[in-house]
Amino acid sequence: MFNQVMLVGRLTKDPELRYTSVGAAVANITIAVNRSFKNASGEIDADFVNCTLWRKTAENTAVYCQKGSLIGVSGRIQTRSYENAEGAKVYVTEVMADSVRFMDPKPQELLTD
């Protein structure tokens, strides 16, 4: 079996970093990934993909990225379900990231001559 996904898109909001009860860093992000074709109106639509990052990847992304940052995510698709407060079953599909690449150019103040 093979379950691998690679996406390039922009963060729709700042990463949400938190820590588990055992101290592991985890961040949830959503990236907007443009489709490769135009819709009937001649516009390019985007898909909004939820991703979960763990440990150092989560911490680094929270420090160096913000809403609008261009990133590449490599990982696997995972599905899960749970019952909400009303008793309805909720299905979730997300990318569990193995690695994240920061694709924006470095800010001018970080460049060295």
PDB file of N, CA and C in Angstrom:
ATOM      1  N   MET A   1       0.833  -1.178   0.000  1.00  0.00           N
ATOM      2  CA  MET A   1       0.000   0.000   0.000  1.00  0.00           C
ATOM      3  C   MET A   1       0.879   1.242   0.000  1.00  0.00           C
ATOM      4  N   PHE A   2       0.329   2.320  -0.505  1.00  0.00           N
ATOM      5  CA  PHE A   2       1.083   3.564  -0.628  1.00  0.00           C
ATOM      6  C   PHE A   2       0.189   4.732  -0.248  1.00  0.00           C
ATOM      7  N   ASN A   3       0.576   5.512   0.726  1.00  0.00           N
ATOM      8  CA  ASN A   3      -0.212   6.662   1.176  1.00  0.00           C
ATOM      9  C   ASN A   3       0.752   7.816   1.395  1.00  0.00           C
ATOM     10  N   GLN A   4       0.934   8.629   0.360  1.00  0.00           N
ATOM     11  CA  GLN A   4       1.813   9.778   0.461  1.00  0.00           C
ATOM     12  C   GLN A   4       1.220  10.940  -0.308  1.00  0.00           C
ATOM     13  N   VAL A   5       1.331  12.137   0.262  1.00  0.00           N
ATOM     14  CA  VAL A   5       0.794  13.329  -0.372  1.00  0.00           C
ATOM     15  C   VAL A   5       1.837  14.442  -0.275  1.00  0.00           C
ATOM     16  N   MET A   6       1.909  15.249  -1.334  1.00  0.00           N
ATOM     17  CA  MET A   6       2.780  16.426  -1.344  1.00  0.00           C
ATOM     18  C   MET A   6       1.939  17.600  -1.820  1.00  0.00           C
ATOM     19  N   LEU A   7       1.908  18.658  -1.034  1.00  0.00           N
ATOM     20  CA  LEU A   7       1.095  19.826  -1.331  1.00  0.00           C
ATOM     21  C   LEU A   7       1.936  21.090  -1.223  1.00  0.00           C
ATOM     22  N   VAL A   8       1.619  22.071  -2.041  1.00  0.00           N
ATOM     23  CA  VAL A   8       2.215  23.395  -1.930  1.00  0.00           C
ATOM     24  C   VAL A   8       1.063  24.387  -1.891  1.00  0.00           C
ATOM     25  N   GLY A   9       1.058  25.229  -0.869  1.00  0.00           N
ATOM     26  CA  GLY A   9      -0.011  26.210  -0.738  1.00  0.00           C
ATOM     27  C   GLY A   9       0.338  27.260   0.282  1.00  0.00           C
ATOM     28  N   ARG A  10      -0.616  28.138   0.534  1.00  0.00           N
ATOM     29  CA  ARG A  10      -0.418  29.236   1.477  1.00  0.00           C
ATOM     30  C   ARG A  10      -1.246  28.996   2.738  1.00  0.00           C
ATOM     31  N   LEU A  11      -0.663  29.340   3.892  1.00  0.00           N
ATOM     32  CA  LEU A  11      -1.376  29.217   5.160  1.00  0.00           C
ATOM     33  C   LEU A  11      -2.574  30.154   5.176  1.00  0.00           C
ATOM     34  N   THR A  12      -3.719  29.645   5.607  1.00  0.00           N
ATOM     35  CA  THR A  12      -4.933  30.469   5.664  1.00  0.00           C
ATOM     36  C   THR A  12      -5.034  31.252   6.970  1.00  0.00           C
ATOM     37  N   LYS A  13      -4.236  30.862   7.971  1.00  0.00           N
ATOM     38  CA  LYS A  13      -4.179  31.560   9.258  1.00  0.00           C
ATOM     39  C   LYS A  13      -2.875  31.170   9.929  1.00  0.00           C
ATOM     40  N   ASP A  14      -2.529  31.858  10.992  1.00  0.00           N
ATOM     41  CA  ASP A  14      -1.312  31.525  11.727  1.00  0.00           C
ATOM     42  C   ASP A  14      -1.412  30.110  12.300  1.00  0.00           C
ATOM     43  N   PRO A  15      -0.276  29.385  12.358  1.00  0.00           N
ATOM     44  CA  PRO A  15      -0.301  28.045  12.952  1.00  0.00           C
ATOM     45  C   PRO A  15      -0.754  28.088  14.410  1.00  0.00           C
ATOM     46  N   GLU A  16      -1.513  27.072  14.813  1.00  0.00           N
ATOM     47  CA  GLU A  16      -1.998  26.952  16.195  1.00  0.00           C
ATOM     48  C   GLU A  16      -1.145  25.918  16.915  1.00  0.00           C
ATOM     49  N   LEU A  17      -0.161  26.394  17.683  1.00  0.00           N
ATOM     50  CA  LEU A  17       0.756  25.505  18.398  1.00  0.00           C
ATOM     51  C   LEU A  17       0.244  25.247  19.803  1.00  0.00           C
ATOM     52  N   ARG A  18       0.296  23.981  20.225  1.00  0.00           N
ATOM     53  CA  ARG A  18      -0.046  23.611  21.598  1.00  0.00           C
ATOM     54  C   ARG A  18       0.828  22.409  21.971  1.00  0.00           C
ATOM     55  N   TYR A  19       0.727  22.003  23.207  1.00  0.00           N
ATOM     56  CA  TYR A  19       1.527  20.882  23.694  1.00  0.00           C
ATOM     57  C   TYR A  19       0.612  19.836  24.327  1.00  0.00           C
ATOM     58  N   THR A  20       0.928  18.569  24.088  1.00  0.00           N
ATOM     59  CA  THR A  20       0.149  17.488  24.686  1.00  0.00           C
ATOM     60  C   THR A  20       0.493  17.374  26.164  1.00  0.00           C
ATOM     61  N   SER A  21      -0.222  16.525  26.871  1.00  0.00           N
ATOM     62  CA  SER A  21       0.017  16.350  28.308  1.00  0.00           C
ATOM     63  C   SER A  21       1.405  15.787  28.605  1.00  0.00           C
ATOM     64  N   VAL A  22       2.021  15.140  27.624  1.00  0.00           N
ATOM     65  CA  VAL A  22       3.381  14.614  27.809  1.00  0.00           C
ATOM     66  C   VAL A  22       4.439  15.538  27.219  1.00  0.00           C
ATOM     67  N   GLY A  23       4.028  16.732  26.785  1.00  0.00           N
ATOM     68  CA  GLY A  23       4.986  17.740  26.331  1.00  0.00           C
ATOM     69  C   GLY A  23       5.335  17.732  24.856  1.00  0.00           C
ATOM     70  N   ALA A  24       4.643  16.937  24.045  1.00  0.00           N
ATOM     71  CA  ALA A  24       4.923  16.908  22.607  1.00  0.00           C
ATOM     72  C   ALA A  24       4.223  18.087  21.919  1.00  0.00           C
ATOM     73  N   ALA A  25       4.972  18.810  21.108  1.00  0.00           N
ATOM     74  CA  ALA A  25       4.409  19.944  20.366  1.00  0.00           C
ATOM     75  C   ALA A  25       3.544  19.426  19.222  1.00  0.00           C
ATOM     76  N   VAL A  26       2.405  20.087  19.014  1.00  0.00           N
ATOM     77  CA  VAL A  26       1.521  19.750  17.901  1.00  0.00           C
ATOM     78  C   VAL A  26       0.926  21.056  17.375  1.00  0.00           C
ATOM     79  N   ALA A  27       0.881  21.185  16.052  1.00  0.00           N
ATOM     80  CA  ALA A  27       0.299  22.375  15.429  1.00  0.00           C
ATOM     81  C   ALA A  27      -0.683  21.934  14.356  1.00  0.00           C
ATOM     82  N   ASN A  28      -1.775  22.666  14.292  1.00  0.00           N
ATOM     83  CA  ASN A  28      -2.757  22.448  13.239  1.00  0.00           C
ATOM     84  C   ASN A  28      -2.707  23.636  12.303  1.00  0.00           C
ATOM     85  N   ILE A  29      -2.649  23.336  11.006  1.00  0.00           N
ATOM     86  CA  ILE A  29      -2.629  24.382   9.998  1.00  0.00           C
ATOM     87  C   ILE A  29      -3.622  24.028   8.903  1.00  0.00           C
ATOM     88  N   THR A  30      -4.027  25.031   8.161  1.00  0.00           N
ATOM     89  CA  THR A  30      -4.827  24.830   6.964  1.00  0.00           C
ATOM     90  C   THR A  30      -4.117  25.540   5.835  1.00  0.00           C
ATOM     91  N   ILE A  31      -3.913  24.840   4.719  1.00  0.00           N
ATOM     92  CA  ILE A  31      -3.280  25.482   3.566  1.00  0.00           C
ATOM     93  C   ILE A  31      -4.256  25.509   2.395  1.00  0.00           C
ATOM     94  N   ALA A  32      -4.202  26.612   1.673  1.00  0.00           N
ATOM     95  CA  ALA A  32      -5.008  26.779   0.461  1.00  0.00           C
ATOM     96  C   ALA A  32      -4.145  26.342  -0.716  1.00  0.00           C
ATOM     97  N   VAL A  33      -4.629  25.329  -1.435  1.00  0.00           N
ATOM     98  CA  VAL A  33      -3.900  24.779  -2.575  1.00  0.00           C
ATOM     99  C   VAL A  33      -4.714  25.054  -3.835  1.00  0.00           C
ATOM    100  N   ASN A  34      -4.131  25.832  -4.746  1.00  0.00           N
ATOM    101  CA  ASN A  34      -4.830  26.160  -5.986  1.00  0.00           C
ATOM    102  C   ASN A  34      -5.007  24.924  -6.856  1.00  0.00           C
ATOM    103  N   ARG A  35      -6.159  24.843  -7.502  1.00  0.00           N
ATOM    104  CA  ARG A  35      -6.403  23.772  -8.465  1.00  0.00           C
ATOM    105  C   ARG A  35      -5.680  24.101  -9.766  1.00  0.00           C
ATOM    106  N   SER A  36      -5.471  23.123 -10.609  1.00  0.00           N
ATOM    107  CA  SER A  36      -4.692  23.325 -11.840  1.00  0.00           C
ATOM    108  C   SER A  36      -5.562  23.683 -13.040  1.00  0.00           C
ATOM    109  N   PHE A  37      -6.813  24.041 -12.809  1.00  0.00           N
ATOM    110  CA  PHE A  37      -7.713  24.397 -13.907  1.00  0.00           C
ATOM    111  C   PHE A  37      -8.649  25.511 -13.449  1.00  0.00           C
ATOM    112  N   LYS A  38      -9.270  26.173 -14.406  1.00  0.00           N
ATOM    113  CA  LYS A  38     -10.188  27.271 -14.100  1.00  0.00           C
ATOM    114  C   LYS A  38     -11.620  26.761 -14.059  1.00  0.00           C
ATOM    115  N   ASN A  39     -12.454  27.408 -13.246  1.00  0.00           N
ATOM    116  CA  ASN A  39     -13.861  27.027 -13.158  1.00  0.00           C
ATOM    117  C   ASN A  39     -14.640  27.670 -14.316  1.00  0.00           C
ATOM    118  N   ALA A  40     -15.942  27.512 -14.321  1.00  0.00           N
ATOM    119  CA  ALA A  40     -16.780  28.029 -15.405  1.00  0.00           C
ATOM    120  C   ALA A  40     -16.700  29.547 -15.521  1.00  0.00           C
ATOM    121  N   SER A  41     -16.350  30.231 -14.432  1.00  0.00           N
ATOM    122  CA  SER A  41     -16.236  31.689 -14.442  1.00  0.00           C
ATOM    123  C   SER A  41     -14.846  32.159 -14.867  1.00  0.00           C
ATOM    124  N   GLY A  42     -13.955  31.216 -15.151  1.00  0.00           N
ATOM    125  CA  GLY A  42     -12.597  31.561 -15.553  1.00  0.00           C
ATOM    126  C   GLY A  42     -11.658  31.832 -14.396  1.00  0.00           C
ATOM    127  N   GLU A  43     -12.084  31.485 -13.181  1.00  0.00           N
ATOM    128  CA  GLU A  43     -11.256  31.701 -11.999  1.00  0.00           C
ATOM    129  C   GLU A  43     -10.661  30.382 -11.524  1.00  0.00           C
ATOM    130  N   ILE A  44      -9.551  30.485 -10.822  1.00  0.00           N
ATOM    131  CA  ILE A  44      -8.913  29.294 -10.247  1.00  0.00           C
ATOM    132  C   ILE A  44      -9.427  29.117  -8.825  1.00  0.00           C
ATOM    133  N   ASP A  45     -10.014  27.965  -8.539  1.00  0.00           N
ATOM    134  CA  ASP A  45     -10.494  27.644  -7.196  1.00  0.00           C
ATOM    135  C   ASP A  45      -9.344  27.072  -6.369  1.00  0.00           C
ATOM    136  N   ALA A  46      -9.546  27.005  -5.073  1.00  0.00           N
ATOM    137  CA  ALA A  46      -8.554  26.430  -4.172  1.00  0.00           C
ATOM    138  C   ALA A  46      -9.230  25.402  -3.273  1.00  0.00           C
ATOM    139  N   ASP A  47      -8.466  24.421  -2.863  1.00  0.00           N
ATOM    140  CA  ASP A  47      -8.902  23.463  -1.859  1.00  0.00           C
ATOM    141  C   ASP A  47      -8.224  23.849  -0.551  1.00  0.00           C
ATOM    142  N   PHE A  48      -8.945  23.721   0.564  1.00  0.00           N
ATOM    143  CA  PHE A  48      -8.419  24.067   1.870  1.00  0.00           C
ATOM    144  C   PHE A  48      -8.174  22.770   2.625  1.00  0.00           C
ATOM    145  N   VAL A  49      -6.894  22.471   2.864  1.00  0.00           N
ATOM    146  CA  VAL A  49      -6.486  21.177   3.401  1.00  0.00           C
ATOM    147  C   VAL A  49      -5.970  21.343   4.828  1.00  0.00           C
ATOM    148  N   ASN A  50      -6.566  20.594   5.751  1.00  0.00           N
ATOM    149  CA  ASN A  50      -6.126  20.599   7.147  1.00  0.00           C
ATOM    150  C   ASN A  50      -4.931  19.677   7.305  1.00  0.00           C
ATOM    151  N   CYS A  51      -3.926  20.152   8.033  1.00  0.00           N
ATOM    152  CA  CYS A  51      -2.706  19.376   8.266  1.00  0.00           C
ATOM    153  C   CYS A  51      -2.365  19.412   9.746  1.00  0.00           C
ATOM    154  N   THR A  52      -1.774  18.332  10.236  1.00  0.00           N
ATOM    155  CA  THR A  52      -1.301  18.250  11.607  1.00  0.00           C
ATOM    156  C   THR A  52       0.199  18.037  11.587  1.00  0.00           C
ATOM    157  N   LEU A  53       0.915  18.866  12.353  1.00  0.00           N
ATOM    158  CA  LEU A  53       2.382  18.800  12.434  1.00  0.00           C
ATOM    159  C   LEU A  53       2.764  18.438  13.860  1.00  0.00           C
ATOM    160  N   TRP A  54       3.843  17.682  14.003  1.00  0.00           N
ATOM    161  CA  TRP A  54       4.276  17.239  15.326  1.00  0.00           C
ATOM    162  C   TRP A  54       5.700  17.675  15.625  1.00  0.00           C
ATOM    163  N   ARG A  55       6.003  17.781  16.887  1.00  0.00           N
ATOM    164  CA  ARG A  55       7.313  18.010  17.471  1.00  0.00           C
ATOM    165  C   ARG A  55       8.029  19.221  16.876  1.00  0.00           C
ATOM    166  N   LYS A  56       9.277  19.061  16.466  1.00  0.00           N
ATOM    167  CA  LYS A  56      10.088  20.194  15.997  1.00  0.00           C
ATOM    168  C   LYS A  56       9.497  20.820  14.735  1.00  0.00           C
ATOM    169  N   THR A  57       8.887  20.004  13.883  1.00  0.00           N
ATOM    170  CA  THR A  57       8.242  20.544  12.679  1.00  0.00           C
ATOM    171  C   THR A  57       7.141  21.516  13.077  1.00  0.00           C
ATOM    172  N   ALA A  58       6.363  21.162  14.087  1.00  0.00           N
ATOM    173  CA  ALA A  58       5.289  22.032  14.575  1.00  0.00           C
ATOM    174  C   ALA A  58       5.860  23.323  15.156  1.00  0.00           C
ATOM    175  N   GLU A  59       6.890  23.207  15.994  1.00  0.00           N
ATOM    176  CA  GLU A  59       7.477  24.388  16.625  1.00  0.00           C
ATOM    177  C   GLU A  59       8.097  25.333  15.598  1.00  0.00           C
ATOM    178  N   ASN A  60       8.873  24.790  14.659  1.00  0.00           N
ATOM    179  CA  ASN A  60       9.519  25.623  13.648  1.00  0.00           C
ATOM    180  C   ASN A  60       8.494  26.326  12.757  1.00  0.00           C
ATOM    181  N   THR A  61       7.457  25.614  12.381  1.00  0.00           N
ATOM    182  CA  THR A  61       6.432  26.222  11.531  1.00  0.00           C
ATOM    183  C   THR A  61       5.727  27.347  12.273  1.00  0.00           C
ATOM    184  N   ALA A  62       5.442  27.153  13.555  1.00  0.00           N
ATOM    185  CA  ALA A  62       4.783  28.197  14.345  1.00  0.00           C
ATOM    186  C   ALA A  62       5.671  29.429  14.490  1.00  0.00           C
ATOM    187  N   VAL A  63       6.990  29.232  14.571  1.00  0.00           N
ATOM    188  CA  VAL A  63       7.912  30.355  14.741  1.00  0.00           C
ATOM    189  C   VAL A  63       8.137  31.103  13.424  1.00  0.00           C
ATOM    190  N   TYR A  64       8.325  30.373  12.323  1.00  0.00           N
ATOM    191  CA  TYR A  64       8.782  30.992  11.084  1.00  0.00           C
ATOM    192  C   TYR A  64       7.690  31.261  10.051  1.00  0.00           C
ATOM    193  N   CYS A  65       6.475  30.788  10.285  1.00  0.00           N
ATOM    194  CA  CYS A  65       5.416  30.962   9.289  1.00  0.00           C
ATOM    195  C   CYS A  65       4.226  31.680   9.895  1.00  0.00           C
ATOM    196  N   GLN A  66       3.491  32.339   9.039  1.00  0.00           N
ATOM    197  CA  GLN A  66       2.285  33.050   9.454  1.00  0.00           C
ATOM    198  C   GLN A  66       1.281  33.007   8.318  1.00  0.00           C
ATOM    199  N   LYS A  67       0.109  33.544   8.565  1.00  0.00           N
ATOM    200  CA  LYS A  67      -0.933  33.582   7.540  1.00  0.00           C
ATOM    201  C   LYS A  67      -0.346  34.129   6.243  1.00  0.00           C
ATOM    202  N   GLY A  68      -0.582  33.409   5.141  1.00  0.00           N
ATOM    203  CA  GLY A  68      -0.086  33.824   3.833  1.00  0.00           C
ATOM    204  C   GLY A  68       1.247  33.221   3.435  1.00  0.00           C
ATOM    205  N   SER A  69       1.963  32.599   4.382  1.00  0.00           N
ATOM    206  CA  SER A  69       3.258  31.992   4.055  1.00  0.00           C
ATOM    207  C   SER A  69       3.080  30.852   3.058  1.00  0.00           C
ATOM    208  N   LEU A  70       3.982  30.782   2.087  1.00  0.00           N
ATOM    209  CA  LEU A  70       3.983  29.695   1.107  1.00  0.00           C
ATOM    210  C   LEU A  70       4.803  28.547   1.661  1.00  0.00           C
ATOM    211  N   ILE A  71       4.178  27.371   1.788  1.00  0.00           N
ATOM    212  CA  ILE A  71       4.874  26.202   2.332  1.00  0.00           C
ATOM    213  C   ILE A  71       4.590  24.972   1.488  1.00  0.00           C
ATOM    214  N   GLY A  72       5.478  24.004   1.595  1.00  0.00           N
ATOM    215  CA  GLY A  72       5.285  22.690   1.010  1.00  0.00           C
ATOM    216  C   GLY A  72       5.138  21.683   2.140  1.00  0.00           C
ATOM    217  N   VAL A  73       4.173  20.799   2.035  1.00  0.00           N
ATOM    218  CA  VAL A  73       3.915  19.794   3.067  1.00  0.00           C
ATOM    219  C   VAL A  73       4.007  18.414   2.443  1.00  0.00           C
ATOM    220  N   SER A  74       4.731  17.533   3.086  1.00  0.00           N
ATOM    221  CA  SER A  74       4.822  16.141   2.668  1.00  0.00           C
ATOM    222  C   SER A  74       4.353  15.280   3.828  1.00  0.00           C
ATOM    223  N   GLY A  75       3.498  14.306   3.539  1.00  0.00           N
ATOM    224  CA  GLY A  75       2.993  13.456   4.608  1.00  0.00           C
ATOM    225  C   GLY A  75       2.047  12.403   4.090  1.00  0.00           C
ATOM    226  N   ARG A  76       1.096  12.014   4.948  1.00  0.00           N
ATOM    227  CA  ARG A  76       0.140  10.973   4.579  1.00  0.00           C
ATOM    228  C   ARG A  76      -1.267  11.432   4.933  1.00  0.00           C
ATOM    229  N   ILE A  77      -2.245  10.920   4.222  1.00  0.00           N
ATOM    230  CA  ILE A  77      -3.632  11.235   4.511  1.00  0.00           C
ATOM    231  C   ILE A  77      -4.132  10.282   5.595  1.00  0.00           C
ATOM    232  N   GLN A  78      -4.846  10.862   6.561  1.00  0.00           N
ATOM    233  CA  GLN A  78      -5.410  10.061   7.646  1.00  0.00           C
ATOM    234  C   GLN A  78      -6.879  10.443   7.815  1.00  0.00           C
ATOM    235  N   THR A  79      -7.706   9.455   8.042  1.00  0.00           N
ATOM    236  CA  THR A  79      -9.120   9.702   8.307  1.00  0.00           C
ATOM    237  C   THR A  79      -9.456   9.195   9.706  1.00  0.00           C
ATOM    238  N   ARG A  80     -10.409   9.868  10.323  1.00  0.00           N
ATOM    239  CA  ARG A  80     -10.876   9.459  11.651  1.00  0.00           C
ATOM    240  C   ARG A  80     -12.302   9.950  11.811  1.00  0.00           C
ATOM    241  N   SER A  81     -12.960   9.469  12.843  1.00  0.00           N
ATOM    242  CA  SER A  81     -14.324   9.924  13.117  1.00  0.00           C
ATOM    243  C   SER A  81     -14.525   9.987  14.627  1.00  0.00           C
ATOM    244  N   TYR A  82     -15.512  10.798  15.011  1.00  0.00           N
ATOM    245  CA  TYR A  82     -15.871  10.920  16.410  1.00  0.00           C
ATOM    246  C   TYR A  82     -17.325  11.371  16.498  1.00  0.00           C
ATOM    247  N   GLU A  83     -17.893  11.250  17.684  1.00  0.00           N
ATOM    248  CA  GLU A  83     -19.260  11.726  17.912  1.00  0.00           C
ATOM    249  C   GLU A  83     -19.204  13.096  18.560  1.00  0.00           C
ATOM    250  N   ASN A  84     -19.931  14.059  17.984  1.00  0.00           N
ATOM    251  CA  ASN A  84     -19.947  15.403  18.558  1.00  0.00           C
ATOM    252  C   ASN A  84     -20.938  15.480  19.721  1.00  0.00           C
ATOM    253  N   ALA A  85     -21.083  16.669  20.300  1.00  0.00           N
ATOM    254  CA  ALA A  85     -21.935  16.856  21.478  1.00  0.00           C
ATOM    255  C   ALA A  85     -23.396  16.516  21.206  1.00  0.00           C
ATOM    256  N   GLU A  86     -23.834  16.659  19.956  1.00  0.00           N
ATOM    257  CA  GLU A  86     -25.222  16.340  19.588  1.00  0.00           C
ATOM    258  C   GLU A  86     -25.419  14.861  19.256  1.00  0.00           C
ATOM    259  N   GLY A  87     -24.337  14.085  19.333  1.00  0.00           N
ATOM    260  CA  GLY A  87     -24.428  12.658  19.059  1.00  0.00           C
ATOM    261  C   GLY A  87     -24.271  12.290  17.600  1.00  0.00           C
ATOM    262  N   ALA A  88     -23.982  13.262  16.740  1.00  0.00           N
ATOM    263  CA  ALA A  88     -23.793  12.984  15.315  1.00  0.00           C
ATOM    264  C   ALA A  88     -22.350  12.565  15.062  1.00  0.00           C
ATOM    265  N   LYS A  89     -22.161  11.639  14.152  1.00  0.00           N
ATOM    266  CA  LYS A  89     -20.833  11.180  13.802  1.00  0.00           C
ATOM    267  C   LYS A  89     -20.187  12.182  12.849  1.00  0.00           C
ATOM    268  N   VAL A  90     -18.972  12.614  13.174  1.00  0.00           N
ATOM    269  CA  VAL A  90     -18.226  13.573  12.370  1.00  0.00           C
ATOM    270  C   VAL A  90     -17.012  12.865  11.786  1.00  0.00           C
ATOM    271  N   TYR A  91     -16.813  12.986  10.469  1.00  0.00           N
ATOM    272  CA  TYR A  91     -15.678  12.381   9.777  1.00  0.00           C
ATOM    273  C   TYR A  91     -14.651  13.461   9.459  1.00  0.00           C
ATOM    274  N   VAL A  92     -13.387  13.145   9.698  1.00  0.00           N
ATOM    275  CA  VAL A  92     -12.303  14.098   9.472  1.00  0.00           C
ATOM    276  C   VAL A  92     -11.265  13.461   8.563  1.00  0.00           C
ATOM    277  N   THR A  93     -10.842  14.205   7.544  1.00  0.00           N
ATOM    278  CA  THR A  93      -9.738  13.795   6.681  1.00  0.00           C
ATOM    279  C   THR A  93      -8.678  14.877   6.777  1.00  0.00           C
ATOM    280  N   GLU A  94      -7.442  14.488   7.077  1.00  0.00           N
ATOM    281  CA  GLU A  94      -6.367  15.457   7.247  1.00  0.00           C
ATOM    282  C   GLU A  94      -5.047  14.864   6.787  1.00  0.00           C
ATOM    283  N   VAL A  95      -4.071  15.732   6.606  1.00  0.00           N
ATOM    284  CA  VAL A  95      -2.721  15.302   6.260  1.00  0.00           C
ATOM    285  C   VAL A  95      -1.892  15.302   7.530  1.00  0.00           C
ATOM    286  N   MET A  96      -1.280  14.171   7.830  1.00  0.00           N
ATOM    287  CA  MET A  96      -0.329  14.078   8.936  1.00  0.00           C
ATOM    288  C   MET A  96       1.044  14.336   8.330  1.00  0.00           C
ATOM    289  N   ALA A  97       1.595  15.513   8.595  1.00  0.00           N
ATOM    290  CA  ALA A  97       2.815  15.955   7.922  1.00  0.00           C
ATOM    291  C   ALA A  97       4.060  15.276   8.478  1.00  0.00           C
ATOM    292  N   ASP A  98       4.912  14.832   7.563  1.00  0.00           N
ATOM    293  CA  ASP A  98       6.230  14.316   7.926  1.00  0.00           C
ATOM    294  C   ASP A  98       7.259  15.441   7.867  1.00  0.00           C
ATOM    295  N   SER A  99       7.084  16.337   6.884  1.00  0.00           N
ATOM    296  CA  SER A  99       8.013  17.456   6.755  1.00  0.00           C
ATOM    297  C   SER A  99       7.305  18.661   6.155  1.00  0.00           C
ATOM    298  N   VAL A 100       7.857  19.830   6.457  1.00  0.00           N
ATOM    299  CA  VAL A 100       7.339  21.089   5.933  1.00  0.00           C
ATOM    300  C   VAL A 100       8.515  21.879   5.381  1.00  0.00           C
ATOM    301  N   ARG A 101       8.349  22.421   4.185  1.00  0.00           N
ATOM    302  CA  ARG A 101       9.358  23.288   3.573  1.00  0.00           C
ATOM    303  C   ARG A 101       8.830  24.707   3.549  1.00  0.00           C
ATOM    304  N   PHE A 102       9.647  25.646   4.000  1.00  0.00           N
ATOM    305  CA  PHE A 102       9.290  27.057   3.941  1.00  0.00           C
ATOM    306  C   PHE A 102       9.744  27.571   2.580  1.00  0.00           C
ATOM    307  N   MET A 103       8.827  28.041   1.769  1.00  0.00           N
ATOM    308  CA  MET A 103       9.120  28.344   0.371  1.00  0.00           C
ATOM    309  C   MET A 103       9.152  29.835   0.054  1.00  0.00           C
ATOM    310  N   ASP A 104       8.783  30.681   1.013  1.00  0.00           N
ATOM    311  CA  ASP A 104       8.887  32.127   0.788  1.00  0.00           C
ATOM    312  C   ASP A 104      10.360  32.519   0.820  1.00  0.00           C
ATOM    313  N   PRO A 105      10.737  33.566   0.057  1.00  0.00           N
ATOM    314  CA  PRO A 105      12.112  34.049   0.163  1.00  0.00           C
ATOM    315  C   PRO A 105      12.372  34.584   1.576  1.00  0.00           C
ATOM    316  N   LYS A 106      13.627  34.517   2.000  1.00  0.00           N
ATOM    317  CA  LYS A 106      13.973  35.035   3.325  1.00  0.00           C
ATOM    318  C   LYS A 106      13.739  36.542   3.352  1.00  0.00           C
ATOM    319  N   PRO A 107      13.280  37.050   4.501  1.00  0.00           N
ATOM    320  CA  PRO A 107      13.145  38.496   4.628  1.00  0.00           C
ATOM    321  C   PRO A 107      14.490  39.195   4.424  1.00  0.00           C
ATOM    322  N   GLN A 108      14.486  40.411   3.909  1.00  0.00           N
ATOM    323  CA  GLN A 108      15.695  41.146   3.594  1.00  0.00           C
ATOM    324  C   GLN A 108      16.649  41.212   4.784  1.00  0.00           C
ATOM    325  N   GLU A 109      16.123  41.399   6.004  1.00  0.00           N
ATOM    326  CA  GLU A 109      17.004  41.555   7.169  1.00  0.00           C
ATOM    327  C   GLU A 109      17.735  40.262   7.538  1.00  0.00           C
ATOM    328  N   LEU A 110      17.284  39.115   7.009  1.00  0.00           N
ATOM    329  CA  LEU A 110      17.955  37.838   7.312  1.00  0.00           C
ATOM    330  C   LEU A 110      19.007  37.476   6.262  1.00  0.00           C
ATOM    331  N   LEU A 111      18.997  38.167   5.133  1.00  0.00           N
ATOM    332  CA  LEU A 111      19.962  37.868   4.086  1.00  0.00           C
ATOM    333  C   LEU A 111      21.323  38.425   4.458  1.00  0.00           C
ATOM    334  N   THR A 112      22.362  37.657   4.150  1.00  0.00           N
ATOM    335  CA  THR A 112      23.728  38.120   4.429  1.00  0.00           C
ATOM    336  C   THR A 112      24.421  38.395   3.112  1.00  0.00           C
ATOM    337  N   ASP A 113      25.354  39.335   3.155  1.00  0.00           N
ATOM    338  CA  ASP A 113      26.080  39.692   1.915  1.00  0.00           C
ATOM    339  C   ASP A 113      27.186  38.716   1.630  1.00  0.00           C
TER     340      ASP A 113
END
